[in-house]
């Protein structure tokens, strides 16, 4: 494995990819919540809520890492 591929996870493009895949996981959580509401399944609805909180926390952590990498970037502020 090359050094560039090894450090991909800590690069801007790696973080963007991680954010995208994490946000994509929100689609399954939305489907799960809708199904739980239709079936009046409180336990599945609670599971969907916990999963949504995990996705939001994961995105916040990735955003923080992105800001650390892009301190000199004007657009990230």
PDB file of N, CA and C in Angstrom:
ATOM      1  N   UNK A   1       0.846  -1.169   0.000  1.00  0.00           N
ATOM      2  CA  UNK A   1       0.000   0.000   0.000  1.00  0.00           C
ATOM      3  C   UNK A   1       0.895   1.237   0.000  1.00  0.00           C
ATOM      4  N   UNK A   2       0.572   2.177  -0.833  1.00  0.00           N
ATOM      5  CA  UNK A   2       1.391   3.378  -0.900  1.00  0.00           C
ATOM      6  C   UNK A   2       1.066   4.310   0.249  1.00  0.00           C
ATOM      7  N   UNK A   3       1.966   5.225   0.487  1.00  0.00           N
ATOM      8  CA  UNK A   3       1.780   6.160   1.592  1.00  0.00           C
ATOM      9  C   UNK A   3       0.560   7.050   1.352  1.00  0.00           C
ATOM     10  N   UNK A   4       0.322   7.422   0.090  1.00  0.00           N
ATOM     11  CA  UNK A   4      -0.815   8.276  -0.227  1.00  0.00           C
ATOM     12  C   UNK A   4      -2.131   7.570   0.093  1.00  0.00           C
ATOM     13  N   UNK A   5      -2.261   6.310  -0.264  1.00  0.00           N
ATOM     14  CA  UNK A   5      -3.480   5.558   0.011  1.00  0.00           C
ATOM     15  C   UNK A   5      -3.634   5.295   1.505  1.00  0.00           C
ATOM     16  N   UNK A   6      -2.540   5.183   2.197  1.00  0.00           N
ATOM     17  CA  UNK A   6      -2.570   4.915   3.634  1.00  0.00           C
ATOM     18  C   UNK A   6      -3.148   6.108   4.400  1.00  0.00           C
ATOM     19  N   UNK A   7      -2.858   7.311   3.954  1.00  0.00           N
ATOM     20  CA  UNK A   7      -3.325   8.531   4.620  1.00  0.00           C
ATOM     21  C   UNK A   7      -4.592   9.099   3.997  1.00  0.00           C
ATOM     22  N   UNK A   8      -5.273   8.317   3.166  1.00  0.00           N
ATOM     23  CA  UNK A   8      -6.487   8.788   2.496  1.00  0.00           C
ATOM     24  C   UNK A   8      -7.577   9.137   3.498  1.00  0.00           C
ATOM     25  N   UNK A   9      -7.656   8.381   4.579  1.00  0.00           N
ATOM     26  CA  UNK A   9      -8.697   8.595   5.584  1.00  0.00           C
ATOM     27  C   UNK A   9      -8.582   9.967   6.231  1.00  0.00           C
ATOM     28  N   UNK A  10      -7.376  10.510   6.296  1.00  0.00           N
ATOM     29  CA  UNK A  10      -7.171  11.800   6.931  1.00  0.00           C
ATOM     30  C   UNK A  10      -7.073  12.938   5.919  1.00  0.00           C
ATOM     31  N   UNK A  11      -7.386  12.653   4.663  1.00  0.00           N
ATOM     32  CA  UNK A  11      -7.364  13.700   3.644  1.00  0.00           C
ATOM     33  C   UNK A  11      -8.750  14.302   3.495  1.00  0.00           C
ATOM     34  N   UNK A  12      -8.819  15.454   2.837  1.00  0.00           N
ATOM     35  CA  UNK A  12     -10.108  16.107   2.622  1.00  0.00           C
ATOM     36  C   UNK A  12     -11.046  15.220   1.812  1.00  0.00           C
ATOM     37  N   UNK A  13     -10.529  14.618   0.765  1.00  0.00           N
ATOM     38  CA  UNK A  13     -11.389  13.776  -0.066  1.00  0.00           C
ATOM     39  C   UNK A  13     -11.856  12.539   0.704  1.00  0.00           C
ATOM     40  N   UNK A  14     -11.013  12.001   1.570  1.00  0.00           N
ATOM     41  CA  UNK A  14     -11.404  10.866   2.399  1.00  0.00           C
ATOM     42  C   UNK A  14     -12.500  11.233   3.385  1.00  0.00           C
ATOM     43  N   UNK A  15     -12.407  12.425   3.946  1.00  0.00           N
ATOM     44  CA  UNK A  15     -13.425  12.884   4.884  1.00  0.00           C
ATOM     45  C   UNK A  15     -14.739  13.149   4.153  1.00  0.00           C
ATOM     46  N   UNK A  16     -14.661  13.754   2.956  1.00  0.00           N
ATOM     47  CA  UNK A  16     -15.875  13.967   2.164  1.00  0.00           C
ATOM     48  C   UNK A  16     -16.540  12.635   1.829  1.00  0.00           C
ATOM     49  N   UNK A  17     -15.753  11.638   1.487  1.00  0.00           N
ATOM     50  CA  UNK A  17     -16.299  10.322   1.177  1.00  0.00           C
ATOM     51  C   UNK A  17     -16.955   9.707   2.409  1.00  0.00           C
ATOM     52  N   UNK A  18     -16.325   9.844   3.554  1.00  0.00           N
ATOM     53  CA  UNK A  18     -16.897   9.335   4.801  1.00  0.00           C
ATOM     54  C   UNK A  18     -18.197  10.046   5.141  1.00  0.00           C
ATOM     55  N   UNK A  19     -18.238  11.347   4.925  1.00  0.00           N
ATOM     56  CA  UNK A  19     -19.461  12.106   5.182  1.00  0.00           C
ATOM     57  C   UNK A  19     -20.584  11.652   4.255  1.00  0.00           C
ATOM     58  N   UNK A  20     -20.247  11.400   3.014  1.00  0.00           N
ATOM     59  CA  UNK A  20     -21.249  10.946   2.047  1.00  0.00           C
ATOM     60  C   UNK A  20     -21.819   9.587   2.395  1.00  0.00           C
ATOM     61  N   UNK A  21     -20.955   8.665   2.772  1.00  0.00           N
ATOM     62  CA  UNK A  21     -21.444   7.328   3.119  1.00  0.00           C
ATOM     63  C   UNK A  21     -22.232   7.349   4.427  1.00  0.00           C
ATOM     64  N   UNK A  22     -21.834   8.206   5.355  1.00  0.00           N
ATOM     65  CA  UNK A  22     -22.583   8.331   6.601  1.00  0.00           C
ATOM     66  C   UNK A  22     -23.962   8.933   6.341  1.00  0.00           C
ATOM     67  N   UNK A  23     -24.010   9.950   5.516  1.00  0.00           N
ATOM     68  CA  UNK A  23     -25.294  10.568   5.177  1.00  0.00           C
ATOM     69  C   UNK A  23     -26.177   9.605   4.387  1.00  0.00           C
ATOM     70  N   UNK A  24     -25.578   8.758   3.564  1.00  0.00           N
ATOM     71  CA  UNK A  24     -26.329   7.768   2.806  1.00  0.00           C
ATOM     72  C   UNK A  24     -27.015   6.775   3.741  1.00  0.00           C
ATOM     73  N   UNK A  25     -26.418   6.516   4.889  1.00  0.00           N
ATOM     74  CA  UNK A  25     -27.018   5.641   5.883  1.00  0.00           C
ATOM     75  C   UNK A  25     -28.307   6.214   6.456  1.00  0.00           C
ATOM     76  N   UNK A  26     -28.484   7.523   6.325  1.00  0.00           N
ATOM     77  CA  UNK A  26     -29.704   8.156   6.819  1.00  0.00           C
ATOM     78  C   UNK A  26     -30.931   7.684   6.046  1.00  0.00           C
ATOM     79  N   UNK A  27     -30.744   7.284   4.802  1.00  0.00           N
ATOM     80  CA  UNK A  27     -31.874   6.804   4.003  1.00  0.00           C
ATOM     81  C   UNK A  27     -32.504   5.562   4.620  1.00  0.00           C
ATOM     82  N   UNK A  28     -31.674   4.633   5.072  1.00  0.00           N
ATOM     83  CA  UNK A  28     -32.218   3.426   5.691  1.00  0.00           C
ATOM     84  C   UNK A  28     -32.883   3.740   7.031  1.00  0.00           C
ATOM     85  N   UNK A  29     -32.370   4.722   7.746  1.00  0.00           N
ATOM     86  CA  UNK A  29     -32.973   5.110   9.016  1.00  0.00           C
ATOM     87  C   UNK A  29     -34.348   5.741   8.765  1.00  0.00           C
ATOM     88  N   UNK A  30     -34.459   6.538   7.714  1.00  0.00           N
ATOM     89  CA  UNK A  30     -35.744   7.152   7.370  1.00  0.00           C
ATOM     90  C   UNK A  30     -36.768   6.076   7.007  1.00  0.00           C
ATOM     91  N   UNK A  31     -36.334   5.097   6.203  1.00  0.00           N
ATOM     92  CA  UNK A  31     -37.229   3.993   5.845  1.00  0.00           C
ATOM     93  C   UNK A  31     -37.672   3.230   7.091  1.00  0.00           C
ATOM     94  N   UNK A  32     -36.727   2.985   7.995  1.00  0.00           N
ATOM     95  CA  UNK A  32     -37.026   2.263   9.222  1.00  0.00           C
ATOM     96  C   UNK A  32     -38.028   3.037  10.080  1.00  0.00           C
ATOM     97  N   UNK A  33     -37.871   4.336  10.173  1.00  0.00           N
ATOM     98  CA  UNK A  33     -38.775   5.155  10.975  1.00  0.00           C
ATOM     99  C   UNK A  33     -40.173   5.175  10.376  1.00  0.00           C
ATOM    100  N   UNK A  34     -40.267   5.287   9.067  1.00  0.00           N
ATOM    101  CA  UNK A  34     -41.579   5.281   8.403  1.00  0.00           C
ATOM    102  C   UNK A  34     -42.305   3.957   8.628  1.00  0.00           C
ATOM    103  N   UNK A  35     -41.580   2.862   8.471  1.00  0.00           N
ATOM    104  CA  UNK A  35     -42.182   1.543   8.672  1.00  0.00           C
ATOM    105  C   UNK A  35     -42.621   1.373  10.122  1.00  0.00           C
ATOM    106  N   UNK A  36     -41.818   1.860  11.054  1.00  0.00           N
ATOM    107  CA  UNK A  36     -42.151   1.739  12.477  1.00  0.00           C
ATOM    108  C   UNK A  36     -43.400   2.551  12.805  1.00  0.00           C
ATOM    109  N   UNK A  37     -43.540   3.734  12.187  1.00  0.00           N
ATOM    110  CA  UNK A  37     -44.733   4.544  12.415  1.00  0.00           C
ATOM    111  C   UNK A  37     -45.981   3.875  11.845  1.00  0.00           C
ATOM    112  N   UNK A  38     -45.846   3.293  10.662  1.00  0.00           N
ATOM    113  CA  UNK A  38     -46.985   2.608  10.039  1.00  0.00           C
ATOM    114  C   UNK A  38     -47.457   1.435  10.891  1.00  0.00           C
ATOM    115  N   UNK A  39     -46.518   0.715  11.467  1.00  0.00           N
ATOM    116  CA  UNK A  39     -46.844  -0.473  12.257  1.00  0.00           C
ATOM    117  C   UNK A  39     -47.029  -0.163  13.737  1.00  0.00           C
ATOM    118  N   UNK A  40     -46.888   1.087  14.118  1.00  0.00           N
ATOM    119  CA  UNK A  40     -46.965   1.527  15.522  1.00  0.00           C
ATOM    120  C   UNK A  40     -46.021   0.718  16.409  1.00  0.00           C
ATOM    121  N   UNK A  41     -44.804   0.527  15.906  1.00  0.00           N
ATOM    122  CA  UNK A  41     -43.790  -0.241  16.633  1.00  0.00           C
ATOM    123  C   UNK A  41     -42.864   0.734  17.363  1.00  0.00           C
ATOM    124  N   UNK A  42     -43.096   0.888  18.646  1.00  0.00           N
ATOM    125  CA  UNK A  42     -42.347   1.857  19.444  1.00  0.00           C
ATOM    126  C   UNK A  42     -40.867   1.507  19.543  1.00  0.00           C
ATOM    127  N   UNK A  43     -40.568   0.234  19.662  1.00  0.00           N
ATOM    128  CA  UNK A  43     -39.176  -0.178  19.811  1.00  0.00           C
ATOM    129  C   UNK A  43     -38.368   0.109  18.540  1.00  0.00           C
ATOM    130  N   UNK A  44     -38.942  -0.157  17.381  1.00  0.00           N
ATOM    131  CA  UNK A  44     -38.240   0.164  16.125  1.00  0.00           C
ATOM    132  C   UNK A  44     -38.111   1.659  15.926  1.00  0.00           C
ATOM    133  N   UNK A  45     -39.113   2.405  16.362  1.00  0.00           N
ATOM    134  CA  UNK A  45     -39.041   3.857  16.256  1.00  0.00           C
ATOM    135  C   UNK A  45     -37.942   4.407  17.160  1.00  0.00           C
ATOM    136  N   UNK A  46     -37.801   3.840  18.330  1.00  0.00           N
ATOM    137  CA  UNK A  46     -36.723   4.228  19.244  1.00  0.00           C
ATOM    138  C   UNK A  46     -35.356   3.883  18.640  1.00  0.00           C
ATOM    139  N   UNK A  47     -35.264   2.713  18.018  1.00  0.00           N
ATOM    140  CA  UNK A  47     -34.023   2.305  17.360  1.00  0.00           C
ATOM    141  C   UNK A  47     -33.661   3.266  16.228  1.00  0.00           C
ATOM    142  N   UNK A  48     -34.671   3.680  15.463  1.00  0.00           N
ATOM    143  CA  UNK A  48     -34.425   4.638  14.385  1.00  0.00           C
ATOM    144  C   UNK A  48     -33.941   5.977  14.942  1.00  0.00           C
ATOM    145  N   UNK A  49     -34.509   6.385  16.067  1.00  0.00           N
ATOM    146  CA  UNK A  49     -34.078   7.642  16.683  1.00  0.00           C
ATOM    147  C   UNK A  49     -32.643   7.590  17.173  1.00  0.00           C
ATOM    148  N   UNK A  50     -32.271   6.470  17.777  1.00  0.00           N
ATOM    149  CA  UNK A  50     -30.891   6.304  18.245  1.00  0.00           C
ATOM    150  C   UNK A  50     -29.926   6.257  17.053  1.00  0.00           C
ATOM    151  N   UNK A  51     -30.340   5.572  15.994  1.00  0.00           N
ATOM    152  CA  UNK A  51     -29.498   5.508  14.796  1.00  0.00           C
ATOM    153  C   UNK A  51     -29.334   6.885  14.159  1.00  0.00           C
ATOM    154  N   UNK A  52     -30.398   7.668  14.143  1.00  0.00           N
ATOM    155  CA  UNK A  52     -30.323   9.028  13.591  1.00  0.00           C
ATOM    156  C   UNK A  52     -29.374   9.891  14.427  1.00  0.00           C
ATOM    157  N   UNK A  53     -29.429   9.727  15.743  1.00  0.00           N
ATOM    158  CA  UNK A  53     -28.522  10.487  16.608  1.00  0.00           C
ATOM    159  C   UNK A  53     -27.063  10.093  16.348  1.00  0.00           C
ATOM    160  N   UNK A  54     -26.829   8.798  16.091  1.00  0.00           N
ATOM    161  CA  UNK A  54     -25.470   8.345  15.789  1.00  0.00           C
ATOM    162  C   UNK A  54     -24.978   8.926  14.469  1.00  0.00           C
ATOM    163  N   UNK A  55     -25.863   9.009  13.486  1.00  0.00           N
ATOM    164  CA  UNK A  55     -25.482   9.579  12.193  1.00  0.00           C
ATOM    165  C   UNK A  55     -25.157  11.060  12.337  1.00  0.00           C
ATOM    166  N   UNK A  56     -25.974  11.776  13.085  1.00  0.00           N
ATOM    167  CA  UNK A  56     -25.732  13.208  13.294  1.00  0.00           C
ATOM    168  C   UNK A  56     -24.411  13.428  14.028  1.00  0.00           C
ATOM    169  N   UNK A  57     -24.148  12.625  15.044  1.00  0.00           N
ATOM    170  CA  UNK A  57     -22.888  12.741  15.780  1.00  0.00           C
ATOM    171  C   UNK A  57     -21.701  12.426  14.881  1.00  0.00           C
ATOM    172  N   UNK A  58     -21.819  11.382  14.063  1.00  0.00           N
ATOM    173  CA  UNK A  58     -20.742  11.021  13.146  1.00  0.00           C
ATOM    174  C   UNK A  58     -20.447  12.121  12.146  1.00  0.00           C
ATOM    175  N   UNK A  59     -21.503  12.736  11.613  1.00  0.00           N
ATOM    176  CA  UNK A  59     -21.305  13.837  10.671  1.00  0.00           C
ATOM    177  C   UNK A  59     -20.663  15.046  11.351  1.00  0.00           C
ATOM    178  N   UNK A  60     -21.039  15.306  12.598  1.00  0.00           N
ATOM    179  CA  UNK A  60     -20.440  16.425  13.330  1.00  0.00           C
ATOM    180  C   UNK A  60     -18.953  16.196  13.573  1.00  0.00           C
ATOM    181  N   UNK A  61     -18.586  14.963  13.899  1.00  0.00           N
ATOM    182  CA  UNK A  61     -17.173  14.639  14.119  1.00  0.00           C
ATOM    183  C   UNK A  61     -16.385  14.781  12.812  1.00  0.00           C
ATOM    184  N   UNK A  62     -16.957  14.292  11.719  1.00  0.00           N
ATOM    185  CA  UNK A  62     -16.279  14.410  10.430  1.00  0.00           C
ATOM    186  C   UNK A  62     -16.149  15.868  10.001  1.00  0.00           C
ATOM    187  N   UNK A  63     -17.174  16.672  10.260  1.00  0.00           N
ATOM    188  CA  UNK A  63     -17.109  18.095   9.931  1.00  0.00           C
ATOM    189  C   UNK A  63     -16.000  18.789  10.729  1.00  0.00           C
ATOM    190  N   UNK A  64     -15.887  18.412  12.004  1.00  0.00           N
ATOM    191  CA  UNK A  64     -14.820  18.984  12.833  1.00  0.00           C
ATOM    192  C   UNK A  64     -13.445  18.634  12.274  1.00  0.00           C
ATOM    193  N   UNK A  65     -13.268  17.380  11.848  1.00  0.00           N
ATOM    194  CA  UNK A  65     -11.994  16.973  11.256  1.00  0.00           C
ATOM    195  C   UNK A  65     -11.720  17.735   9.961  1.00  0.00           C
ATOM    196  N   UNK A  66     -12.771  17.956   9.186  1.00  0.00           N
ATOM    197  CA  UNK A  66     -12.625  18.705   7.940  1.00  0.00           C
ATOM    198  C   UNK A  66     -12.198  20.140   8.221  1.00  0.00           C
ATOM    199  N   UNK A  67     -12.774  20.747   9.255  1.00  0.00           N
ATOM    200  CA  UNK A  67     -12.376  22.107   9.614  1.00  0.00           C
ATOM    201  C   UNK A  67     -10.923  22.154  10.076  1.00  0.00           C
ATOM    202  N   UNK A  68     -10.485  21.116  10.793  1.00  0.00           N
ATOM    203  CA  UNK A  68      -9.086  21.082  11.245  1.00  0.00           C
ATOM    204  C   UNK A  68      -8.129  21.004  10.062  1.00  0.00           C
ATOM    205  N   UNK A  69      -8.508  20.252   9.054  1.00  0.00           N
ATOM    206  CA  UNK A  69      -7.649  20.137   7.874  1.00  0.00           C
ATOM    207  C   UNK A  69      -7.665  21.409   7.031  1.00  0.00           C
ATOM    208  N   UNK A  70      -8.801  22.103   7.043  1.00  0.00           N
ATOM    209  CA  UNK A  70      -8.952  23.248   6.157  1.00  0.00           C
ATOM    210  C   UNK A  70      -8.906  24.577   6.852  1.00  0.00           C
ATOM    211  N   UNK A  71      -8.086  24.735   7.874  1.00  0.00           N
ATOM    212  CA  UNK A  71      -8.015  25.999   8.596  1.00  0.00           C
ATOM    213  C   UNK A  71      -7.593  27.158   7.695  1.00  0.00           C
ATOM    214  N   UNK A  72      -6.819  26.851   6.661  1.00  0.00           N
ATOM    215  CA  UNK A  72      -6.372  27.910   5.765  1.00  0.00           C
ATOM    216  C   UNK A  72      -7.352  28.137   4.624  1.00  0.00           C
ATOM    217  N   UNK A  73      -8.379  27.330   4.517  1.00  0.00           N
ATOM    218  CA  UNK A  73      -9.364  27.466   3.442  1.00  0.00           C
ATOM    219  C   UNK A  73     -10.387  28.523   3.808  1.00  0.00           C
ATOM    220  N   UNK A  74     -10.602  29.495   2.925  1.00  0.00           N
ATOM    221  CA  UNK A  74     -11.509  30.600   3.178  1.00  0.00           C
ATOM    222  C   UNK A  74     -12.964  30.139   3.224  1.00  0.00           C
ATOM    223  N   UNK A  75     -13.336  29.176   2.387  1.00  0.00           N
ATOM    224  CA  UNK A  75     -14.724  28.746   2.291  1.00  0.00           C
ATOM    225  C   UNK A  75     -15.199  28.010   3.533  1.00  0.00           C
ATOM    226  N   UNK A  76     -14.323  27.324   4.250  1.00  0.00           N
ATOM    227  CA  UNK A  76     -14.724  26.573   5.431  1.00  0.00           C
ATOM    228  C   UNK A  76     -14.863  27.454   6.666  1.00  0.00           C
ATOM    229  N   UNK A  77     -14.286  28.605   6.639  1.00  0.00           N
ATOM    230  CA  UNK A  77     -14.434  29.558   7.741  1.00  0.00           C
ATOM    231  C   UNK A  77     -13.774  29.131   8.969  1.00  0.00           C
TER     232      UNK A  77
END
